[in-house]
Amino acid sequence: MRALFINIYKIFLLPHVILYKLSKNKSDIDKDIDRWAIAKGVNGSKIRLLLNFLANSSDFRTVFYFRNRGIISKILNIYCRREKYFIIDTTTKLGGGILTGHPYSTILNAESIGENFYVNHLVTVGEVEGKRPTIGKNVSIYTGAIVIGNITIGDNCIIGAGSVVTKSIPDNCTVVGNPARILNT
């Protein structure tokens, strides 16, 4: 019964396909779709996967609406809601291939976040005195971590659960703790 309801719901999602086709951020959305498809172990055309993720994931919708800001996204959000407790600041430059793991109560407020970013719930990436972090490519931030201030997180880093990062981290590191310390490079 649920599958029938989801398939009917996808009909109402068709305006999203038009938005996707006309999007200036289509290449980043394609990267998001590809990353989600691998993580979920599903195959299909970009349109089919897009409709599937929009129908089943409010956090995917949040990223989709972030990439397609404007009046049309606001209208579509009326009946196809984004995750209201997952906030991406409008000035954040967000690379393609973002993957979320239940990002409830997560705030992303960075100068930039590179491609293939992974984020869990209860994460705060934010500013201190107007200065925001820059996060590299292939970075994963796990549950409850805080990354704040004018710092740089290098490429291929892992920020462990509950870590508080207030200093820059070089490439290829795993950090844990409060205050965060580098485990390995």
C-alpha atoms as a PDB file:
ATOM      1  CA  MET A   1       0.000   0.000   0.000  1.00  0.00           C
ATOM      2  CA  ARG A   2       2.831   2.377   0.884  1.00  0.00           C
ATOM      3  CA  ALA A   3       4.487   1.736  -2.518  1.00  0.00           C
ATOM      4  CA  LEU A   4       1.232   2.636  -4.275  1.00  0.00           C
ATOM      5  CA  PHE A   5       0.956   5.874  -2.291  1.00  0.00           C
ATOM      6  CA  ILE A   6       4.599   6.794  -3.078  1.00  0.00           C
ATOM      7  CA  ASN A   7       4.068   6.160  -6.803  1.00  0.00           C
ATOM      8  CA  ILE A   8       0.973   8.383  -6.830  1.00  0.00           C
ATOM      9  CA  TYR A   9       2.885  11.028  -4.872  1.00  0.00           C
ATOM     10  CA  LYS A  10       5.617  11.006  -7.542  1.00  0.00           C
ATOM     11  CA  ILE A  11       3.083  12.369 -10.029  1.00  0.00           C
ATOM     12  CA  PHE A  12       2.793  15.489  -7.871  1.00  0.00           C
ATOM     13  CA  LEU A  13       6.591  15.720  -7.876  1.00  0.00           C
ATOM     14  CA  LEU A  14       6.833  16.126 -11.660  1.00  0.00           C
ATOM     15  CA  PRO A  15       7.269  19.942 -11.455  1.00  0.00           C
ATOM     16  CA  HIS A  16      10.529  19.170  -9.623  1.00  0.00           C
ATOM     17  CA  VAL A  17      11.782  17.438 -12.769  1.00  0.00           C
ATOM     18  CA  ILE A  18      11.290  20.643 -14.751  1.00  0.00           C
ATOM     19  CA  LEU A  19      13.106  22.589 -12.047  1.00  0.00           C
ATOM     20  CA  TYR A  20      15.937  20.022 -12.168  1.00  0.00           C
ATOM     21  CA  LYS A  21      16.188  20.152 -15.974  1.00  0.00           C
ATOM     22  CA  LEU A  22      16.387  23.969 -15.957  1.00  0.00           C
ATOM     23  CA  SER A  23      18.634  24.254 -12.902  1.00  0.00           C
ATOM     24  CA  LYS A  24      21.910  26.142 -13.164  1.00  0.00           C
ATOM     25  CA  ASN A  25      23.169  23.669 -10.527  1.00  0.00           C
ATOM     26  CA  LYS A  26      22.200  20.530 -12.456  1.00  0.00           C
ATOM     27  CA  SER A  27      25.722  19.074 -12.365  1.00  0.00           C
ATOM     28  CA  ASP A  28      25.824  19.326  -8.540  1.00  0.00           C
ATOM     29  CA  ILE A  29      22.347  17.788  -8.304  1.00  0.00           C
ATOM     30  CA  ASP A  30      23.548  14.944 -10.552  1.00  0.00           C
ATOM     31  CA  LYS A  31      26.457  14.358  -8.152  1.00  0.00           C
ATOM     32  CA  ASP A  32      24.010  14.339  -5.215  1.00  0.00           C
ATOM     33  CA  ILE A  33      21.782  11.819  -6.990  1.00  0.00           C
ATOM     34  CA  ASP A  34      24.748   9.585  -7.843  1.00  0.00           C
ATOM     35  CA  ARG A  35      26.067   9.618  -4.272  1.00  0.00           C
ATOM     36  CA  TRP A  36      22.639   8.855  -2.796  1.00  0.00           C
ATOM     37  CA  ALA A  37      22.082   6.051  -5.323  1.00  0.00           C
ATOM     38  CA  ILE A  38      25.348   4.389  -4.324  1.00  0.00           C
ATOM     39  CA  ALA A  39      24.623   4.810  -0.607  1.00  0.00           C
ATOM     40  CA  LYS A  40      21.083   3.434  -0.947  1.00  0.00           C
ATOM     41  CA  GLY A  41      22.071   0.702  -3.395  1.00  0.00           C
ATOM     42  CA  VAL A  42      19.524   1.690  -6.042  1.00  0.00           C
ATOM     43  CA  ASN A  43      19.769   2.029  -9.805  1.00  0.00           C
ATOM     44  CA  GLY A  44      17.808   3.896 -12.430  1.00  0.00           C
ATOM     45  CA  SER A  45      17.746   6.973 -14.574  1.00  0.00           C
ATOM     46  CA  LYS A  46      18.518  10.344 -13.023  1.00  0.00           C
ATOM     47  CA  ILE A  47      14.833  11.330 -13.261  1.00  0.00           C
ATOM     48  CA  ARG A  48      13.621   8.122 -11.632  1.00  0.00           C
ATOM     49  CA  LEU A  49      16.202   8.410  -8.840  1.00  0.00           C
ATOM     50  CA  LEU A  50      15.417  12.105  -8.360  1.00  0.00           C
ATOM     51  CA  LEU A  51      11.711  11.359  -7.932  1.00  0.00           C
ATOM     52  CA  ASN A  52      12.481   8.478  -5.587  1.00  0.00           C
ATOM     53  CA  PHE A  53      14.731  10.566  -3.331  1.00  0.00           C
ATOM     54  CA  LEU A  54      12.354  13.536  -3.366  1.00  0.00           C
ATOM     55  CA  ALA A  55       9.439  11.269  -2.428  1.00  0.00           C
ATOM     56  CA  ASN A  56      11.257   9.460   0.360  1.00  0.00           C
ATOM     57  CA  SER A  57      13.731  11.892   1.903  1.00  0.00           C
ATOM     58  CA  SER A  58      13.059  15.326   3.333  1.00  0.00           C
ATOM     59  CA  ASP A  59      16.793  15.909   3.769  1.00  0.00           C
ATOM     60  CA  PHE A  60      17.391  15.261   0.044  1.00  0.00           C
ATOM     61  CA  ARG A  61      14.604  17.754  -0.681  1.00  0.00           C
ATOM     62  CA  THR A  62      16.348  20.305   1.554  1.00  0.00           C
ATOM     63  CA  VAL A  63      19.531  20.015  -0.487  1.00  0.00           C
ATOM     64  CA  PHE A  64      17.527  20.091  -3.748  1.00  0.00           C
ATOM     65  CA  TYR A  65      15.712  23.280  -2.717  1.00  0.00           C
ATOM     66  CA  PHE A  66      19.009  24.812  -1.550  1.00  0.00           C
ATOM     67  CA  ARG A  67      20.431  24.236  -5.036  1.00  0.00           C
ATOM     68  CA  ASN A  68      17.281  25.664  -6.679  1.00  0.00           C
ATOM     69  CA  ARG A  69      16.478  28.711  -4.598  1.00  0.00           C
ATOM     70  CA  GLY A  70      13.696  30.923  -5.814  1.00  0.00           C
ATOM     71  CA  ILE A  71       9.965  31.352  -5.936  1.00  0.00           C
ATOM     72  CA  ILE A  72       9.323  28.028  -7.674  1.00  0.00           C
ATOM     73  CA  SER A  73      11.153  26.115  -4.930  1.00  0.00           C
ATOM     74  CA  LYS A  74       9.156  27.984  -2.300  1.00  0.00           C
ATOM     75  CA  ILE A  75       5.909  27.000  -4.021  1.00  0.00           C
ATOM     76  CA  LEU A  76       6.958  23.358  -4.374  1.00  0.00           C
ATOM     77  CA  ASN A  77       7.948  23.322  -0.708  1.00  0.00           C
ATOM     78  CA  ILE A  78       4.294  23.940   0.185  1.00  0.00           C
ATOM     79  CA  TYR A  79       3.302  20.374  -0.682  1.00  0.00           C
ATOM     80  CA  CYS A  80       6.689  18.668  -0.761  1.00  0.00           C
ATOM     81  CA  ARG A  81       8.298  19.848   2.461  1.00  0.00           C
ATOM     82  CA  ARG A  82      11.984  20.130   3.148  1.00  0.00           C
ATOM     83  CA  GLU A  83      13.420  19.016   6.505  1.00  0.00           C
ATOM     84  CA  LYS A  84      12.774  22.052   8.690  1.00  0.00           C
ATOM     85  CA  TYR A  85      15.459  21.091  11.224  1.00  0.00           C
ATOM     86  CA  PHE A  86      18.213  20.801   8.600  1.00  0.00           C
ATOM     87  CA  ILE A  87      19.450  24.285   7.764  1.00  0.00           C
ATOM     88  CA  ILE A  88      21.921  25.263   5.057  1.00  0.00           C
ATOM     89  CA  ASP A  89      22.820  28.956   5.129  1.00  0.00           C
ATOM     90  CA  THR A  90      22.052  30.558   1.784  1.00  0.00           C
ATOM     91  CA  THR A  91      25.570  31.987   1.449  1.00  0.00           C
ATOM     92  CA  THR A  92      27.328  28.623   1.879  1.00  0.00           C
ATOM     93  CA  LYS A  93      29.020  27.335  -1.278  1.00  0.00           C
ATOM     94  CA  LEU A  94      28.124  23.641  -1.313  1.00  0.00           C
ATOM     95  CA  GLY A  95      29.866  21.180  -3.618  1.00  0.00           C
ATOM     96  CA  GLY A  96      28.062  18.307  -5.288  1.00  0.00           C
ATOM     97  CA  GLY A  97      27.709  14.835  -3.862  1.00  0.00           C
ATOM     98  CA  ILE A  98      26.439  15.714  -0.393  1.00  0.00           C
ATOM     99  CA  LEU A  99      25.108  12.756   1.574  1.00  0.00           C
ATOM    100  CA  THR A 100      23.234  13.021   4.833  1.00  0.00           C
ATOM    101  CA  GLY A 101      22.614  10.522   7.582  1.00  0.00           C
ATOM    102  CA  HIS A 102      19.438  11.776   9.245  1.00  0.00           C
ATOM    103  CA  PRO A 103      20.567  15.431   9.592  1.00  0.00           C
ATOM    104  CA  TYR A 104      17.999  16.393  12.233  1.00  0.00           C
ATOM    105  CA  SER A 105      19.039  19.599  14.033  1.00  0.00           C
ATOM    106  CA  THR A 106      22.001  20.136  11.717  1.00  0.00           C
ATOM    107  CA  ILE A 107      23.202  23.581  10.671  1.00  0.00           C
ATOM    108  CA  LEU A 108      25.647  24.161   7.827  1.00  0.00           C
ATOM    109  CA  ASN A 109      26.932  27.738   7.831  1.00  0.00           C
ATOM    110  CA  ALA A 110      30.342  27.658   6.128  1.00  0.00           C
ATOM    111  CA  GLU A 111      32.259  29.714   3.596  1.00  0.00           C
ATOM    112  CA  SER A 112      32.408  26.615   1.430  1.00  0.00           C
ATOM    113  CA  ILE A 113      31.992  22.859   1.661  1.00  0.00           C
ATOM    114  CA  GLY A 114      33.711  20.668  -0.913  1.00  0.00           C
ATOM    115  CA  GLU A 115      32.362  17.770  -2.947  1.00  0.00           C
ATOM    116  CA  ASN A 116      31.372  14.425  -1.427  1.00  0.00           C
ATOM    117  CA  PHE A 117      30.520  15.828   1.991  1.00  0.00           C
ATOM    118  CA  TYR A 118      28.811  13.569   4.538  1.00  0.00           C
ATOM    119  CA  VAL A 119      26.997  14.904   7.609  1.00  0.00           C
ATOM    120  CA  ASN A 120      25.060  13.294  10.470  1.00  0.00           C
ATOM    121  CA  HIS A 121      22.504  14.735  12.863  1.00  0.00           C
ATOM    122  CA  LEU A 122      23.069  17.332  15.591  1.00  0.00           C
ATOM    123  CA  VAL A 123      26.046  18.840  13.732  1.00  0.00           C
ATOM    124  CA  THR A 124      26.819  22.540  13.823  1.00  0.00           C
ATOM    125  CA  VAL A 125      29.115  24.135  11.278  1.00  0.00           C
ATOM    126  CA  GLY A 126      29.038  27.793  12.159  1.00  0.00           C
ATOM    127  CA  GLU A 127      30.561  31.160  12.609  1.00  0.00           C
ATOM    128  CA  VAL A 128      32.385  32.923  15.398  1.00  0.00           C
ATOM    129  CA  GLU A 129      32.484  36.707  15.174  1.00  0.00           C
ATOM    130  CA  GLY A 130      31.356  36.532  11.552  1.00  0.00           C
ATOM    131  CA  LYS A 131      34.129  34.109  10.514  1.00  0.00           C
ATOM    132  CA  ARG A 132      33.073  30.755   9.064  1.00  0.00           C
ATOM    133  CA  PRO A 133      34.870  27.472   8.344  1.00  0.00           C
ATOM    134  CA  THR A 134      36.061  26.263   4.954  1.00  0.00           C
ATOM    135  CA  ILE A 135      35.625  22.521   4.524  1.00  0.00           C
ATOM    136  CA  GLY A 136      37.504  20.513   1.899  1.00  0.00           C
ATOM    137  CA  LYS A 137      36.464  17.609  -0.326  1.00  0.00           C
ATOM    138  CA  ASN A 138      35.537  14.128   0.908  1.00  0.00           C
ATOM    139  CA  VAL A 139      34.936  15.245   4.497  1.00  0.00           C
ATOM    140  CA  SER A 140      32.656  13.390   6.908  1.00  0.00           C
ATOM    141  CA  ILE A 141      31.277  14.989  10.067  1.00  0.00           C
ATOM    142  CA  TYR A 142      29.559  12.668  12.528  1.00  0.00           C
ATOM    143  CA  THR A 143      26.864  13.053  15.163  1.00  0.00           C
ATOM    144  CA  GLY A 144      27.021  16.002  17.513  1.00  0.00           C
ATOM    145  CA  ALA A 145      30.232  17.502  16.161  1.00  0.00           C
ATOM    146  CA  ILE A 146      30.817  21.250  16.199  1.00  0.00           C
ATOM    147  CA  VAL A 147      33.069  22.968  13.655  1.00  0.00           C
ATOM    148  CA  ILE A 148      33.229  26.724  14.188  1.00  0.00           C
ATOM    149  CA  GLY A 149      35.216  29.815  13.396  1.00  0.00           C
ATOM    150  CA  ASN A 150      37.699  30.934  10.777  1.00  0.00           C
ATOM    151  CA  ILE A 151      39.293  27.502  10.257  1.00  0.00           C
ATOM    152  CA  THR A 152      39.994  25.123   7.394  1.00  0.00           C
ATOM    153  CA  ILE A 153      39.188  21.430   7.398  1.00  0.00           C
ATOM    154  CA  GLY A 154      41.418  19.724   4.822  1.00  0.00           C
ATOM    155  CA  ASP A 155      40.408  17.191   2.192  1.00  0.00           C
ATOM    156  CA  ASN A 156      39.641  13.581   3.171  1.00  0.00           C
ATOM    157  CA  CYS A 157      39.085  14.329   6.870  1.00  0.00           C
ATOM    158  CA  ILE A 158      36.823  12.612   9.375  1.00  0.00           C
ATOM    159  CA  ILE A 159      35.416  14.588  12.283  1.00  0.00           C
ATOM    160  CA  GLY A 160      34.376  12.122  14.977  1.00  0.00           C
ATOM    161  CA  ALA A 161      31.109  12.201  16.905  1.00  0.00           C
ATOM    162  CA  GLY A 162      30.959  14.859  19.599  1.00  0.00           C
ATOM    163  CA  SER A 163      34.167  16.572  18.481  1.00  0.00           C
ATOM    164  CA  VAL A 164      34.563  20.315  18.942  1.00  0.00           C
ATOM    165  CA  VAL A 165      36.835  21.683  16.226  1.00  0.00           C
ATOM    166  CA  THR A 166      38.055  25.271  16.631  1.00  0.00           C
ATOM    167  CA  LYS A 167      41.459  24.949  14.917  1.00  0.00           C
ATOM    168  CA  SER A 168      42.355  24.110  11.333  1.00  0.00           C
ATOM    169  CA  ILE A 169      42.873  20.462  10.433  1.00  0.00           C
ATOM    170  CA  PRO A 170      45.266  19.376   7.644  1.00  0.00           C
ATOM    171  CA  ASP A 171      44.343  16.960   4.838  1.00  0.00           C
ATOM    172  CA  ASN A 172      43.808  13.231   5.501  1.00  0.00           C
ATOM    173  CA  CYS A 173      43.169  13.423   9.251  1.00  0.00           C
ATOM    174  CA  THR A 174      40.769  11.873  11.713  1.00  0.00           C
ATOM    175  CA  VAL A 175      39.947  14.073  14.687  1.00  0.00           C
ATOM    176  CA  VAL A 176      38.038  13.327  17.883  1.00  0.00           C
ATOM    177  CA  GLY A 177      37.339  14.893  21.253  1.00  0.00           C
ATOM    178  CA  ASN A 178      36.607  18.159  22.943  1.00  0.00           C
ATOM    179  CA  PRO A 179      38.803  19.967  22.151  1.00  0.00           C
ATOM    180  CA  ALA A 180      39.445  18.036  18.939  1.00  0.00           C
ATOM    181  CA  ARG A 181      42.769  16.258  18.621  1.00  0.00           C
ATOM    182  CA  ILE A 182      44.230  14.523  15.587  1.00  0.00           C
ATOM    183  CA  LEU A 183      44.280  10.737  15.869  1.00  0.00           C
ATOM    184  CA  ASN A 184      46.052   9.997  12.606  1.00  0.00           C
ATOM    185  CA  THR A 185      47.198  11.657   9.420  1.00  0.00           C
END
